[in-house]
Amino acid sequence: MSEQLISIAMAAFNGEKFIREQIESILAQTYGSFELIIVDDCSGDGTFQIAEEYSKKDSRVRVCRNAENLGFIRNFEKAISLCRAEYIALADQDDIWTADHLETLMTMIGDNDLACANSRLINDSGNSMGRTMRDVLDIKSLPFTREEYLRRLAYANFVQGSAILFRRRLIPFALPMPESVVYHDRWLGLAAAVNNGIIYSDKVILEYRQHQTNVTTNEKMTFFRKLQNFLNVTNTMASYRYSIILCEELLKKEMRPEDRRVLEESAEYFRYRLSGKNKWKAFRYFSRYYNVLYMTDTNEKKLQRLALLLRR
């Protein structure tokens, strides 16, 4: 049985230091039926020349250079617009894919709109940092239902753009991304969750490079940090406001009533938190969905201690 074609969209900008290693890892995939579209966003270094070098050696590689700088999200949108396949994967310029990256995602996706998986953190030199993104996010329990996926993504992100595969049918629903969207991966995850579903695996399919130019923290999301986030609204105001924005943008679209209810409840929770009022309504939501919001097993003793703190 022949493999279905996968399009890989890579947004590139001043990535000459690492892009060669990333391209090599993509060309070495066990799943061989793919096209790699690299869109260079007016790099000032040798990124475009390196990409062109590979396009001349391998017909699966296609390269485009923008006439003007579009910025990170719009460049990804352009790369996606050039994809021809039914299935689309996203690639950053500085990571390293495991050999079974595409094969794993294709096996997972089923009837869902989007599949995503875990990654291992590496440093600037490519050495393991001894931690995966699942460790960083302190994920102990994976979602099972579409409501759990949606409620978690409305609260905080766990979808990593460079470790996803999605169906073409998601594009009309998710793109173009609203101007208020800061990161494409969470938006695509949310859009897929309310469209035709999302699935996550804790299998590592990516070496995720950490260096000065990216923004992912290596700090573990411990229960103490979760508690701090709940008690100290000041430290989390920006993320709360952004979560409300994402919910409101999605609520403009047609969706199932049950998904609309989840988004409305999520936005209401964050409004409670920002207003400083309805503390107990916020806590009831937090305690009821704690295991979903943090993808962990509910610890009743911890929640009881939290309730005592809130009474003071």
Protein backbone atom coordinates (compact mmCIF):
# COMPACT_ATOMS: atom_id res chain seq x y z
CA MET A 1 0.00 0.00 0.00
CA SER A 2 1.48 3.35 -1.06
CA GLU A 3 2.12 6.08 1.48
CA GLN A 4 0.01 9.22 1.37
CA LEU A 5 1.90 12.42 0.64
CA ILE A 6 2.71 14.71 3.58
CA SER A 7 3.62 18.37 3.11
CA ILE A 8 6.15 19.79 5.57
CA ALA A 9 6.02 23.56 6.04
CA MET A 10 9.20 25.16 7.39
CA ALA A 11 9.36 28.88 8.17
CA ALA A 12 13.00 29.98 8.10
CA PHE A 13 14.77 33.16 9.16
CA ASN A 14 18.49 33.63 9.89
CA GLY A 15 18.84 29.94 10.68
CA GLU A 16 22.09 29.02 8.96
CA LYS A 17 23.62 27.67 12.20
CA PHE A 18 21.13 24.80 12.61
CA ILE A 19 18.98 24.47 9.48
CA ARG A 20 21.28 21.99 7.77
CA GLU A 21 21.00 19.52 10.65
CA GLN A 22 17.21 19.89 10.68
CA ILE A 23 16.88 19.32 6.92
CA GLU A 24 19.07 16.23 7.15
CA SER A 25 16.85 14.78 9.89
CA ILE A 26 13.76 15.37 7.74
CA LEU A 27 15.29 13.76 4.65
CA ALA A 28 16.18 10.71 6.78
CA GLN A 29 12.55 9.96 7.74
CA THR A 30 11.32 6.38 7.71
CA TYR A 31 8.18 7.77 6.06
CA GLY A 32 9.48 8.80 2.66
CA SER A 33 6.45 10.24 0.85
CA PHE A 34 6.70 13.94 1.62
CA GLU A 35 7.50 17.35 0.22
CA LEU A 36 9.46 19.89 2.26
CA ILE A 37 8.53 23.52 1.61
CA ILE A 38 11.02 26.01 3.06
CA VAL A 39 10.00 29.68 3.02
CA ASP A 40 12.83 32.05 3.84
CA ASP A 41 11.65 35.32 5.40
CA CYS A 42 14.39 37.62 4.02
CA SER A 43 17.26 36.12 6.02
CA GLY A 44 20.44 38.15 6.25
CA ASP A 45 22.68 35.09 6.49
CA GLY A 46 23.18 31.93 4.42
CA THR A 47 19.83 30.28 5.27
CA PHE A 48 18.34 30.62 1.79
CA GLN A 49 21.51 29.39 0.08
CA ILE A 50 21.64 26.28 2.29
CA ALA A 51 17.98 25.54 1.56
CA GLU A 52 18.57 25.98 -2.18
CA GLU A 53 21.51 23.60 -1.99
CA TYR A 54 19.21 20.85 -0.73
CA SER A 55 16.49 21.63 -3.28
CA LYS A 56 19.00 20.95 -6.05
CA LYS A 57 19.99 17.62 -4.51
CA ASP A 58 16.54 16.30 -3.54
CA SER A 59 13.39 16.89 -5.60
CA ARG A 60 11.25 16.63 -2.46
CA VAL A 61 12.62 20.00 -1.26
CA ARG A 62 11.04 23.22 -2.54
CA VAL A 63 12.33 26.67 -1.56
CA CYS A 64 10.71 30.09 -1.67
CA ARG A 65 12.05 33.49 -0.58
CA ASN A 66 9.76 36.31 0.51
CA ALA A 67 10.05 39.72 -1.14
CA GLU A 68 9.58 41.32 2.27
CA ASN A 69 9.73 40.14 5.87
CA LEU A 70 6.35 38.74 6.95
CA GLY A 71 7.13 37.79 10.53
CA PHE A 72 6.95 34.37 12.16
CA ILE A 73 3.22 33.58 12.03
CA ARG A 74 2.49 35.03 8.57
CA ASN A 75 5.54 33.22 7.17
CA PHE A 76 4.19 29.92 8.49
CA GLU A 77 0.83 30.74 6.92
CA LYS A 78 2.54 31.32 3.59
CA ALA A 79 4.44 28.04 3.86
CA ILE A 80 1.16 26.24 4.62
CA SER A 81 -0.48 27.89 1.59
CA LEU A 82 2.18 26.32 -0.62
CA CYS A 83 1.54 22.81 0.71
CA ARG A 84 -0.13 20.40 -1.73
CA ALA A 85 -0.83 17.34 0.43
CA GLU A 86 -3.84 16.30 2.50
CA TYR A 87 -1.61 16.08 5.59
CA ILE A 88 0.62 18.94 6.73
CA ALA A 89 3.44 18.93 9.29
CA LEU A 90 5.23 22.00 10.63
CA ALA A 91 8.99 22.22 11.11
CA ASP A 92 11.16 24.78 12.87
CA GLN A 93 14.60 25.47 11.44
CA ASP A 94 16.65 24.64 14.52
CA ASP A 95 15.26 21.34 15.86
CA ILE A 96 16.08 17.73 14.99
CA TRP A 97 13.40 15.21 14.06
CA THR A 98 13.60 11.59 15.17
CA ALA A 99 13.62 9.19 12.21
CA ASP A 100 10.03 8.09 12.91
CA HIS A 101 8.62 11.61 13.40
CA LEU A 102 6.23 11.51 10.43
CA GLU A 103 5.47 7.82 10.73
CA THR A 104 4.41 8.25 14.37
CA LEU A 105 2.12 11.20 13.67
CA MET A 106 0.50 9.52 10.66
CA THR A 107 -0.19 6.41 12.72
CA MET A 108 -1.75 8.53 15.49
CA ILE A 109 -3.98 10.99 13.69
CA GLY A 110 -6.90 8.72 12.80
CA ASP A 111 -10.06 10.78 12.14
CA ASN A 112 -8.79 13.76 14.16
CA ASP A 113 -7.81 17.09 12.64
CA LEU A 114 -4.49 17.24 14.47
CA ALA A 115 -1.96 14.93 16.12
CA CYS A 116 0.86 16.11 18.37
CA ALA A 117 3.57 14.39 20.38
CA ASN A 118 6.32 14.92 22.93
CA SER A 119 9.83 16.33 22.48
CA ARG A 120 13.17 16.08 24.25
CA LEU A 121 14.98 19.29 25.18
CA ILE A 122 18.52 19.72 23.88
CA ASN A 123 20.92 22.59 24.42
CA ASP A 124 22.57 24.84 21.85
CA SER A 125 25.21 22.17 21.19
CA GLY A 126 22.64 19.43 20.64
CA ASN A 127 23.20 17.66 23.96
CA SER A 128 20.25 16.31 25.93
CA MET A 129 19.06 18.41 28.87
CA GLY A 130 17.58 15.31 30.52
CA ARG A 131 14.00 16.49 30.25
CA THR A 132 11.07 16.30 27.86
CA MET A 133 8.30 18.83 27.35
CA ARG A 134 5.99 16.46 29.20
CA ASP A 135 8.35 16.77 32.19
CA VAL A 136 8.43 20.57 31.91
CA LEU A 137 4.64 20.77 31.84
CA ASP A 138 4.39 18.15 34.60
CA ILE A 139 1.95 16.11 32.52
CA LYS A 140 0.96 12.97 34.41
CA SER A 141 -2.40 12.15 32.86
CA LEU A 142 -3.33 12.51 29.20
CA PRO A 143 -6.76 13.78 28.08
CA PHE A 144 -9.28 11.19 26.91
CA THR A 145 -12.24 13.19 25.61
CA ARG A 146 -12.55 16.11 23.20
CA GLU A 147 -13.89 18.22 26.07
CA GLU A 148 -10.75 17.53 28.14
CA TYR A 149 -8.49 18.49 25.24
CA LEU A 150 -10.42 21.69 24.61
CA ARG A 151 -10.69 22.71 28.26
CA ARG A 152 -6.96 22.18 28.80
CA LEU A 153 -5.99 24.17 25.70
CA ALA A 154 -8.34 26.98 26.69
CA TYR A 155 -6.43 27.10 29.99
CA ALA A 156 -2.84 26.67 28.74
CA ASN A 157 -0.91 25.21 25.85
CA PHE A 158 0.69 21.79 25.48
CA VAL A 159 0.74 21.61 21.66
CA GLN A 160 4.20 22.16 20.18
CA GLY A 161 4.12 23.45 16.63
CA SER A 162 7.17 21.53 15.44
CA ALA A 163 5.69 18.24 16.69
CA ILE A 164 2.28 18.33 14.98
CA LEU A 165 0.55 16.94 11.91
CA PHE A 166 -2.83 18.25 10.78
CA ARG A 167 -5.33 17.66 8.00
CA ARG A 168 -5.91 20.13 5.20
CA ARG A 169 -9.58 20.40 6.21
CA LEU A 170 -8.47 22.38 9.29
CA ILE A 171 -7.09 25.25 7.17
CA PRO A 172 -10.40 27.00 6.28
CA PHE A 173 -11.39 26.90 9.95
CA ALA A 174 -8.07 28.02 11.48
CA LEU A 175 -6.52 30.34 8.88
CA PRO A 176 -5.84 33.14 8.57
CA MET A 177 -4.98 33.45 12.22
CA PRO A 178 -6.40 36.49 14.03
CA GLU A 179 -3.97 39.36 14.56
CA SER A 180 -4.24 38.79 18.31
CA VAL A 181 -2.71 35.30 18.05
CA VAL A 182 0.86 35.30 19.37
CA TYR A 183 1.79 31.63 18.89
CA HIS A 184 0.47 29.51 16.03
CA ASP A 185 0.66 26.14 17.79
CA ARG A 186 -1.89 26.78 20.55
CA TRP A 187 -4.28 28.39 18.09
CA LEU A 188 -4.07 25.40 15.73
CA GLY A 189 -4.58 23.04 18.67
CA LEU A 190 -7.67 24.93 19.87
CA ALA A 191 -9.09 25.17 16.35
CA ALA A 192 -8.61 21.43 15.83
CA ALA A 193 -10.17 20.65 19.20
CA VAL A 194 -13.43 22.40 18.29
CA ASN A 195 -13.40 21.27 14.67
CA ASN A 196 -12.74 17.53 14.31
CA GLY A 197 -10.59 16.69 17.30
CA ILE A 198 -7.00 16.44 18.52
CA ILE A 199 -4.87 13.56 19.84
CA TYR A 200 -1.64 13.68 21.89
CA SER A 201 1.10 11.11 22.52
CA ASP A 202 3.93 11.26 25.04
CA LYS A 203 6.28 9.54 22.58
CA VAL A 204 9.34 11.69 21.82
CA ILE A 205 9.51 12.55 18.11
CA LEU A 206 11.61 15.71 18.28
CA GLU A 207 14.85 17.08 19.72
CA TYR A 208 13.76 20.57 20.75
CA ARG A 209 16.69 22.97 20.80
CA GLN A 210 16.89 25.55 23.61
CA HIS A 211 18.91 28.69 23.00
CA GLN A 212 18.77 32.44 23.38
CA THR A 213 16.34 33.06 20.53
CA ASN A 214 13.47 30.79 21.57
CA VAL A 215 11.02 31.28 24.38
CA THR A 216 10.25 27.93 26.00
CA THR A 217 11.18 27.65 29.64
CA ASN A 218 13.02 24.65 31.04
CA GLU A 219 11.46 25.23 34.47
CA LYS A 220 9.21 22.44 35.67
CA MET A 221 5.54 23.29 36.31
CA THR A 222 5.39 22.00 39.89
CA PHE A 223 2.27 22.02 42.07
CA PHE A 224 3.79 24.93 44.03
CA ARG A 225 3.99 26.98 40.83
CA LYS A 226 0.40 26.06 39.97
CA LEU A 227 -0.65 27.18 43.43
CA GLN A 228 1.27 30.45 43.02
CA ASN A 229 -0.40 31.06 39.68
CA PHE A 230 -3.85 30.63 41.20
CA LEU A 231 -3.20 32.76 44.28
CA ASN A 232 -1.20 35.52 42.61
CA VAL A 233 -3.27 36.98 39.80
CA THR A 234 -0.76 39.77 39.18
CA ASN A 235 1.87 37.32 37.96
CA THR A 236 -0.52 35.69 35.52
CA MET A 237 -2.65 38.59 34.27
CA ALA A 238 -1.13 38.57 30.78
CA SER A 239 -1.72 34.85 30.27
CA TYR A 240 -5.29 35.15 31.60
CA ARG A 241 -6.07 38.02 29.22
CA TYR A 242 -4.56 36.11 26.31
CA SER A 243 -6.62 33.02 27.14
CA ILE A 244 -9.78 35.14 27.11
CA ILE A 245 -8.80 36.56 23.71
CA LEU A 246 -8.28 33.10 22.24
CA CYS A 247 -11.63 31.89 23.58
CA GLU A 248 -13.41 34.96 22.24
CA GLU A 249 -11.82 34.60 18.81
CA LEU A 250 -12.88 30.97 18.58
CA LEU A 251 -16.41 31.76 19.78
CA LYS A 252 -16.88 33.82 16.60
CA LYS A 253 -16.87 30.56 14.64
CA GLU A 254 -19.53 27.92 14.13
CA MET A 255 -19.12 24.98 16.51
CA ARG A 256 -20.94 22.35 18.52
CA PRO A 257 -22.97 23.71 21.48
CA GLU A 258 -20.97 21.60 23.93
CA ASP A 259 -17.69 23.09 22.68
CA ARG A 260 -19.13 26.59 22.88
CA ARG A 261 -20.10 25.92 26.50
CA VAL A 262 -16.54 24.86 27.37
CA LEU A 263 -15.05 28.01 25.83
CA GLU A 264 -17.62 30.27 27.49
CA GLU A 265 -16.98 28.68 30.90
CA SER A 266 -13.22 28.98 30.41
CA ALA A 267 -13.42 32.66 29.48
CA GLU A 268 -15.73 33.31 32.43
CA TYR A 269 -13.25 31.65 34.80
CA PHE A 270 -10.44 33.94 33.64
CA ARG A 271 -12.67 37.00 33.95
CA TYR A 272 -13.39 35.98 37.56
CA ARG A 273 -9.65 35.75 38.19
CA LEU A 274 -8.87 39.13 36.64
CA SER A 275 -11.71 40.97 38.36
CA GLY A 276 -10.71 39.78 41.82
CA LYS A 277 -14.38 39.02 42.46
CA ASN A 278 -16.23 35.73 42.67
CA LYS A 279 -13.22 34.05 44.25
CA TRP A 280 -15.23 31.02 45.26
CA LYS A 281 -16.77 30.62 41.79
CA ALA A 282 -13.24 30.64 40.39
CA PHE A 283 -12.12 28.09 42.95
CA ARG A 284 -15.05 25.80 42.22
CA TYR A 285 -14.08 25.78 38.54
CA PHE A 286 -10.40 25.31 39.40
CA SER A 287 -11.05 22.41 41.76
CA ARG A 288 -13.63 20.72 39.55
CA TYR A 289 -11.37 20.67 36.49
CA TYR A 290 -7.97 20.65 38.19
CA ASN A 291 -6.97 17.27 36.76
CA VAL A 292 -7.89 18.40 33.23
CA LEU A 293 -6.35 21.88 33.45
CA TYR A 294 -3.02 20.46 34.60
CA MET A 295 -3.24 17.04 32.94
CA THR A 296 -2.66 15.30 36.24
CA ASP A 297 -4.47 13.17 38.81
CA THR A 298 -6.55 15.26 41.22
CA ASN A 299 -4.97 15.42 44.67
CA GLU A 300 -7.80 16.16 47.09
CA LYS A 301 -5.47 16.96 50.01
CA LYS A 302 -3.67 19.61 47.99
CA LEU A 303 -6.95 21.15 46.90
CA GLN A 304 -8.19 21.19 50.50
CA ARG A 305 -5.06 23.06 51.56
CA LEU A 306 -5.62 25.49 48.73
CA ALA A 307 -9.20 26.06 49.91
CA LEU A 308 -7.93 26.88 53.41
CA LEU A 309 -5.53 29.44 51.96
CA LEU A 310 -8.35 31.08 50.02
CA ARG A 311 -10.47 31.42 53.15
CA ARG A 312 -7.89 33.68 54.79
